[in-house]
PDB file of N, CA and C in Angstrom:
ATOM      1  N   MET A   1      26.501   9.022  12.892  1.00  0.00           N
ATOM      2  CA  MET A   1      26.385   7.461  12.204  1.00  0.00           C
ATOM      3  C   MET A   1      24.823   7.461  12.368  1.00  0.00           C
ATOM      4  N   SER A   2      24.350   8.028  14.091  1.00  0.00           N
ATOM      5  CA  SER A   2      23.787   8.399  14.548  1.00  0.00           C
ATOM      6  C   SER A   2      21.772   8.726  13.775  1.00  0.00           C
ATOM      7  N   GLY A   3      22.629  10.144  12.991  1.00  0.00           N
ATOM      8  CA  GLY A   3      21.891  11.147  12.469  1.00  0.00           C
ATOM      9  C   GLY A   3      21.171  10.056  11.476  1.00  0.00           C
ATOM     10  N   SER A   4      21.702   8.786  10.732  1.00  0.00           N
ATOM     11  CA  SER A   4      21.277   8.657   9.787  1.00  0.00           C
ATOM     12  C   SER A   4      20.614   6.910   9.799  1.00  0.00           C
ATOM     13  N   LYS A   5      20.903   6.663  11.435  1.00  0.00           N
ATOM     14  CA  LYS A   5      19.890   5.853  11.439  1.00  0.00           C
ATOM     15  C   LYS A   5      18.405   6.213  11.660  1.00  0.00           C
ATOM     16  N   GLY A   6      18.934   7.738  12.702  1.00  0.00           N
ATOM     17  CA  GLY A   6      17.682   8.495  12.614  1.00  0.00           C
ATOM     18  C   GLY A   6      16.667   8.546  11.157  1.00  0.00           C
ATOM     19  N   ASN A   7      17.564   9.209  10.701  1.00  0.00           N
ATOM     20  CA  ASN A   7      16.053   9.409   9.043  1.00  0.00           C
ATOM     21  C   ASN A   7      16.156   8.246   8.867  1.00  0.00           C
ATOM     22  N   MET A   8      16.978   6.774   8.359  1.00  0.00           N
ATOM     23  CA  MET A   8      15.740   5.399   8.366  1.00  0.00           C
ATOM     24  C   MET A   8      14.897   4.992   9.055  1.00  0.00           C
ATOM     25  N   GLU A   9      14.838   5.544  10.258  1.00  0.00           N
ATOM     26  CA  GLU A   9      13.464   5.221  11.185  1.00  0.00           C
ATOM     27  C   GLU A   9      12.569   6.151  10.534  1.00  0.00           C
ATOM     28  N   VAL A  10      12.640   7.082  10.263  1.00  0.00           N
ATOM     29  CA  VAL A  10      11.609   8.549  10.247  1.00  0.00           C
ATOM     30  C   VAL A  10      11.117   7.804   8.490  1.00  0.00           C
ATOM     31  N   LEU A  11      12.083   7.207   7.588  1.00  0.00           N
ATOM     32  CA  LEU A  11      11.774   6.876   6.439  1.00  0.00           C
ATOM     33  C   LEU A  11      10.875   5.751   6.703  1.00  0.00           C
ATOM     34  N   SER A  12      11.428   4.610   7.431  1.00  0.00           N
ATOM     35  CA  SER A  12      10.613   3.505   7.858  1.00  0.00           C
ATOM     36  C   SER A  12       8.900   3.596   8.265  1.00  0.00           C
ATOM     37  N   LEU A  13       9.081   4.883   8.965  1.00  0.00           N
ATOM     38  CA  LEU A  13       8.172   5.048   9.696  1.00  0.00           C
ATOM     39  C   LEU A  13       6.858   5.966   8.013  1.00  0.00           C
ATOM     40  N   GLU A  14       7.294   6.664   7.817  1.00  0.00           N
ATOM     41  CA  GLU A  14       6.662   7.143   6.524  1.00  0.00           C
ATOM     42  C   GLU A  14       6.364   6.381   5.404  1.00  0.00           C
ATOM     43  N   MET A  15       7.113   5.052   5.382  1.00  0.00           N
ATOM     44  CA  MET A  15       6.733   4.245   4.472  1.00  0.00           C
ATOM     45  C   MET A  15       5.944   3.020   4.743  1.00  0.00           C
ATOM     46  N   SER A  16       5.759   3.310   6.404  1.00  0.00           N
ATOM     47  CA  SER A  16       4.647   2.392   6.916  1.00  0.00           C
ATOM     48  C   SER A  16       3.342   3.103   6.801  1.00  0.00           C
ATOM     49  N   SER A  17       2.859   4.592   6.960  1.00  0.00           N
ATOM     50  CA  SER A  17       2.022   5.290   6.492  1.00  0.00           C
ATOM     51  C   SER A  17       1.804   5.506   5.013  1.00  0.00           C
ATOM     52  N   ILE A  18       2.353   5.483   4.395  1.00  0.00           N
ATOM     53  CA  ILE A  18       2.263   5.012   2.840  1.00  0.00           C
ATOM     54  C   ILE A  18       1.568   3.703   3.014  1.00  0.00           C
ATOM     55  N   ASP A  19       1.997   2.968   3.078  1.00  0.00           N
ATOM     56  CA  ASP A  19       1.272   1.488   3.235  1.00  0.00           C
ATOM     57  C   ASP A  19       0.142   1.096   3.622  1.00  0.00           C
ATOM     58  N   ILE A  20      -0.230   1.979   4.532  1.00  0.00           N
ATOM     59  CA  ILE A  20      -1.336   1.633   5.364  1.00  0.00           C
ATOM     60  C   ILE A  20      -2.628   2.609   4.223  1.00  0.00           C
ATOM     61  N   ALA A  21      -2.079   3.383   4.264  1.00  0.00           N
ATOM     62  CA  ALA A  21      -2.891   4.707   3.147  1.00  0.00           C
ATOM     63  C   ALA A  21      -3.481   3.943   2.267  1.00  0.00           C
ATOM     64  N   VAL A  22      -2.289   3.467   1.262  1.00  0.00           N
ATOM     65  CA  VAL A  22      -2.739   2.891  -0.174  1.00  0.00           C
ATOM     66  C   VAL A  22      -3.539   1.017   0.065  1.00  0.00           C
ATOM     67  N   GLY A  23      -3.433   0.812   1.265  1.00  0.00           N
ATOM     68  CA  GLY A  23      -3.844  -0.338   1.545  1.00  0.00           C
ATOM     69  C   GLY A  23      -5.370  -0.363   1.571  1.00  0.00           C
ATOM     70  N   MET A  24      -5.666   1.052   2.806  1.00  0.00           N
ATOM     71  CA  MET A  24      -6.733   1.198   2.844  1.00  0.00           C
ATOM     72  C   MET A  24      -7.709   1.626   1.570  1.00  0.00           C
ATOM     73  N   LEU A  25      -6.727   2.803   0.516  1.00  0.00           N
ATOM     74  CA  LEU A  25      -7.518   3.047  -0.375  1.00  0.00           C
ATOM     75  C   LEU A  25      -8.167   2.220  -1.640  1.00  0.00           C
ATOM     76  N   TYR A  26      -7.454   1.166  -1.701  1.00  0.00           N
ATOM     77  CA  TYR A  26      -7.442  -0.629  -2.485  1.00  0.00           C
ATOM     78  C   TYR A  26      -9.124  -0.803  -1.656  1.00  0.00           C
ATOM     79  N   LYS A  27      -8.681  -1.490  -0.780  1.00  0.00           N
ATOM     80  CA  LYS A  27      -9.876  -2.357   0.630  1.00  0.00           C
ATOM     81  C   LYS A  27     -11.060  -1.528  -0.135  1.00  0.00           C
ATOM     82  N   ASN A  28     -10.863   0.107   0.128  1.00  0.00           N
ATOM     83  CA  ASN A  28     -12.459   1.097   0.173  1.00  0.00           C
ATOM     84  C   ASN A  28     -12.840   0.973  -1.427  1.00  0.00           C
ATOM     85  N   PHE A  29     -11.985   0.436  -2.121  1.00  0.00           N
ATOM     86  CA  PHE A  29     -12.119   1.500  -3.611  1.00  0.00           C
ATOM     87  C   PHE A  29     -12.745  -0.019  -3.809  1.00  0.00           C
ATOM     88  N   LEU A  30     -12.541  -1.248  -3.448  1.00  0.00           N
ATOM     89  CA  LEU A  30     -12.908  -2.482  -4.325  1.00  0.00           C
ATOM     90  C   LEU A  30     -14.186  -3.403  -3.342  1.00  0.00           C
ATOM     91  N   GLY A  31     -14.267  -2.673  -2.011  1.00  0.00           N
ATOM     92  CA  GLY A  31     -15.381  -2.731  -1.562  1.00  0.00           C
ATOM     93  C   GLY A  31     -14.940  -4.242  -0.582  1.00  0.00           C
ATOM     94  N   ASN A  32     -15.386  -5.518  -1.486  1.00  0.00           N
ATOM     95  CA  ASN A  32     -15.369  -6.526  -0.621  1.00  0.00           C
ATOM     96  C   ASN A  32     -14.023  -7.223  -1.440  1.00  0.00           C
ATOM     97  N   VAL A  33     -12.880  -7.510  -0.882  1.00  0.00           N
ATOM     98  CA  VAL A  33     -12.433  -7.707  -1.365  1.00  0.00           C
ATOM     99  C   VAL A  33     -11.795  -9.585  -1.559  1.00  0.00           C
ATOM    100  N   GLY A  34     -11.803  -9.915  -2.281  1.00  0.00           N
ATOM    101  CA  GLY A  34     -11.223 -11.712  -2.668  1.00  0.00           C
ATOM    102  C   GLY A  34     -10.278 -12.411  -3.178  1.00  0.00           C
ATOM    103  N   PRO A  35      -9.987 -13.319  -2.973  1.00  0.00           N
ATOM    104  CA  PRO A  35      -9.032 -14.160  -3.653  1.00  0.00           C
ATOM    105  C   PRO A  35      -8.587 -13.831  -4.863  1.00  0.00           C
ATOM    106  N   ALA A  36      -9.801 -14.159  -6.072  1.00  0.00           N
ATOM    107  CA  ALA A  36      -9.692 -13.651  -7.471  1.00  0.00           C
ATOM    108  C   ALA A  36      -9.417 -12.415  -7.597  1.00  0.00           C
ATOM    109  N   VAL A  37      -9.262 -11.596  -7.183  1.00  0.00           N
ATOM    110  CA  VAL A  37      -8.990 -10.130  -7.854  1.00  0.00           C
ATOM    111  C   VAL A  37      -7.743 -10.395  -8.103  1.00  0.00           C
ATOM    112  N   ARG A  38      -7.449  -9.484  -8.831  1.00  0.00           N
ATOM    113  CA  ARG A  38      -5.919  -9.432  -9.655  1.00  0.00           C
ATOM    114  C   ARG A  38      -5.199  -8.532  -8.971  1.00  0.00           C
ATOM    115  N   PRO A  39      -4.265  -8.293  -8.545  1.00  0.00           N
ATOM    116  CA  PRO A  39      -3.686  -6.874  -8.269  1.00  0.00           C
ATOM    117  C   PRO A  39      -2.728  -6.493  -9.003  1.00  0.00           C
ATOM    118  N   THR A  40      -2.357  -6.875 -10.368  1.00  0.00           N
ATOM    119  CA  THR A  40      -2.207  -5.418 -10.898  1.00  0.00           C
ATOM    120  C   THR A  40      -2.972  -5.033 -11.443  1.00  0.00           C
ATOM    121  N   SER A  41      -3.983  -5.597 -12.010  1.00  0.00           N
ATOM    122  CA  SER A  41      -5.824  -4.630 -12.515  1.00  0.00           C
ATOM    123  C   SER A  41      -5.930  -3.537 -11.667  1.00  0.00           C
ATOM    124  N   VAL A  42      -6.327  -4.072 -10.490  1.00  0.00           N
ATOM    125  CA  VAL A  42      -6.533  -3.288  -9.493  1.00  0.00           C
ATOM    126  C   VAL A  42      -5.273  -1.848  -9.215  1.00  0.00           C
ATOM    127  N   GLY A  43      -3.815  -2.277  -9.579  1.00  0.00           N
ATOM    128  CA  GLY A  43      -3.298  -1.294  -9.282  1.00  0.00           C
ATOM    129  C   GLY A  43      -3.533   0.006 -10.485  1.00  0.00           C
ATOM    130  N   ILE A  44      -3.692  -0.914 -12.109  1.00  0.00           N
ATOM    131  CA  ILE A  44      -3.916  -0.016 -12.887  1.00  0.00           C
ATOM    132  C   ILE A  44      -5.481   0.893 -12.861  1.00  0.00           C
ATOM    133  N   ALA A  45      -6.776   0.478 -11.953  1.00  0.00           N
ATOM    134  CA  ALA A  45      -7.779   0.388 -12.161  1.00  0.00           C
ATOM    135  C   ALA A  45      -7.450   2.133 -11.248  1.00  0.00           C
ATOM    136  N   ILE A  46      -6.934   2.146 -10.038  1.00  0.00           N
ATOM    137  CA  ILE A  46      -6.688   3.189  -8.989  1.00  0.00           C
ATOM    138  C   ILE A  46      -5.727   3.964  -9.698  1.00  0.00           C
ATOM    139  N   THR A  47      -4.890   4.025 -10.488  1.00  0.00           N
ATOM    140  CA  THR A  47      -3.828   4.617 -11.039  1.00  0.00           C
ATOM    141  C   THR A  47      -4.480   5.448 -12.152  1.00  0.00           C
ATOM    142  N   LYS A  48      -5.400   5.087 -12.833  1.00  0.00           N
ATOM    143  CA  LYS A  48      -6.357   6.072 -13.865  1.00  0.00           C
ATOM    144  C   LYS A  48      -7.690   6.733 -12.922  1.00  0.00           C
ATOM    145  N   GLN A  49      -8.061   5.925 -12.062  1.00  0.00           N
ATOM    146  CA  GLN A  49      -9.040   6.460 -11.075  1.00  0.00           C
ATOM    147  C   GLN A  49      -8.783   8.082 -10.046  1.00  0.00           C
ATOM    148  N   PHE A  50      -7.534   7.466  -9.975  1.00  0.00           N
ATOM    149  CA  PHE A  50      -7.231   8.635  -8.841  1.00  0.00           C
ATOM    150  C   PHE A  50      -5.814   9.717  -8.803  1.00  0.00           C
ATOM    151  N   GLY A  51      -5.087   9.274  -9.747  1.00  0.00           N
ATOM    152  CA  GLY A  51      -3.803   9.454 -10.737  1.00  0.00           C
ATOM    153  C   GLY A  51      -2.499   9.276  -9.759  1.00  0.00           C
ATOM    154  N   ILE A  52      -2.518   7.878  -9.012  1.00  0.00           N
ATOM    155  CA  ILE A  52      -1.820   8.169  -8.182  1.00  0.00           C
ATOM    156  C   ILE A  52      -0.881   6.539  -8.749  1.00  0.00           C
ATOM    157  N   ASN A  53       0.329   6.040  -8.881  1.00  0.00           N
ATOM    158  CA  ASN A  53       0.693   4.994  -8.888  1.00  0.00           C
ATOM    159  C   ASN A  53       0.913   3.674  -7.762  1.00  0.00           C
ATOM    160  N   VAL A  54       0.536   3.178  -7.658  1.00  0.00           N
ATOM    161  CA  VAL A  54       0.106   2.257  -6.797  1.00  0.00           C
ATOM    162  C   VAL A  54       1.343   1.147  -6.955  1.00  0.00           C
ATOM    163  N   ILE A  55       1.722   1.388  -5.633  1.00  0.00           N
ATOM    164  CA  ILE A  55       3.084   0.086  -5.767  1.00  0.00           C
ATOM    165  C   ILE A  55       3.203  -1.142  -5.227  1.00  0.00           C
ATOM    166  N   THR A  56       2.964  -2.039  -5.911  1.00  0.00           N
ATOM    167  CA  THR A  56       2.263  -3.370  -6.202  1.00  0.00           C
ATOM    168  C   THR A  56       2.738  -4.037  -4.221  1.00  0.00           C
ATOM    169  N   LEU A  57       3.743  -3.918  -4.343  1.00  0.00           N
ATOM    170  CA  LEU A  57       4.417  -4.486  -2.956  1.00  0.00           C
ATOM    171  C   LEU A  57       3.817  -3.826  -1.816  1.00  0.00           C
ATOM    172  N   LEU A  58       3.928  -2.675  -1.610  1.00  0.00           N
ATOM    173  CA  LEU A  58       2.980  -2.161  -0.764  1.00  0.00           C
ATOM    174  C   LEU A  58       1.881  -2.300   0.140  1.00  0.00           C
ATOM    175  N   TRP A  59       0.798  -2.377  -1.007  1.00  0.00           N
ATOM    176  CA  TRP A  59      -0.616  -2.935  -0.581  1.00  0.00           C
ATOM    177  C   TRP A  59      -0.291  -3.946  -0.926  1.00  0.00           C
ATOM    178  N   LEU A  60       0.082  -5.204  -0.975  1.00  0.00           N
ATOM    179  CA  LEU A  60       0.230  -6.614  -1.163  1.00  0.00           C
ATOM    180  C   LEU A  60       0.695  -6.511   0.245  1.00  0.00           C
ATOM    181  N   SER A  61       1.750  -6.053   1.074  1.00  0.00           N
ATOM    182  CA  SER A  61       2.053  -6.238   2.414  1.00  0.00           C
ATOM    183  C   SER A  61       1.010  -5.865   3.620  1.00  0.00           C
ATOM    184  N   TYR A  62       0.184  -4.650   3.199  1.00  0.00           N
ATOM    185  CA  TYR A  62      -1.048  -4.441   3.707  1.00  0.00           C
ATOM    186  C   TYR A  62      -1.875  -5.530   4.179  1.00  0.00           C
ATOM    187  N   PHE A  63      -2.453  -5.488   3.002  1.00  0.00           N
ATOM    188  CA  PHE A  63      -3.082  -7.120   3.380  1.00  0.00           C
ATOM    189  C   PHE A  63      -2.270  -8.349   3.766  1.00  0.00           C
ATOM    190  N   ASN A  64      -1.087  -8.283   3.686  1.00  0.00           N
ATOM    191  CA  ASN A  64      -0.882  -9.966   4.398  1.00  0.00           C
ATOM    192  C   ASN A  64      -0.755  -9.666   5.675  1.00  0.00           C
ATOM    193  N   ASP A  65       0.226  -7.986   5.859  1.00  0.00           N
ATOM    194  CA  ASP A  65      -0.403  -7.855   7.877  1.00  0.00           C
ATOM    195  C   ASP A  65      -1.686  -8.331   8.005  1.00  0.00           C
ATOM    196  N   THR A  66      -2.772  -7.618   7.213  1.00  0.00           N
ATOM    197  CA  THR A  66      -4.172  -7.799   7.599  1.00  0.00           C
ATOM    198  C   THR A  66      -4.726  -8.595   8.045  1.00  0.00           C
ATOM    199  N   ALA A  67      -4.412  -9.857   7.138  1.00  0.00           N
ATOM    200  CA  ALA A  67      -4.634 -10.753   7.328  1.00  0.00           C
ATOM    201  C   ALA A  67      -4.166 -12.136   8.256  1.00  0.00           C
ATOM    202  N   GLU A  68      -3.525 -11.852   8.693  1.00  0.00           N
ATOM    203  CA  GLU A  68      -3.006 -12.872  10.390  1.00  0.00           C
ATOM    204  C   GLU A  68      -3.924 -12.620  11.425  1.00  0.00           C
TER     205      GLU A  68
END
């Protein structure tokens, strides 16, 4: 069982890295992020521009963490 716990910790770390990377891409893509920005619209724009699928919860959690 300790092996699976270690795997979960690695997965958590990888998801955290993805979270930060996508959040930074979002922030850099938009520049000055304001409260009027619609997350779904930006996710679609990033997907079209960079060819990656943005998972809304990943970058929303990034901005919630950095706002505190």
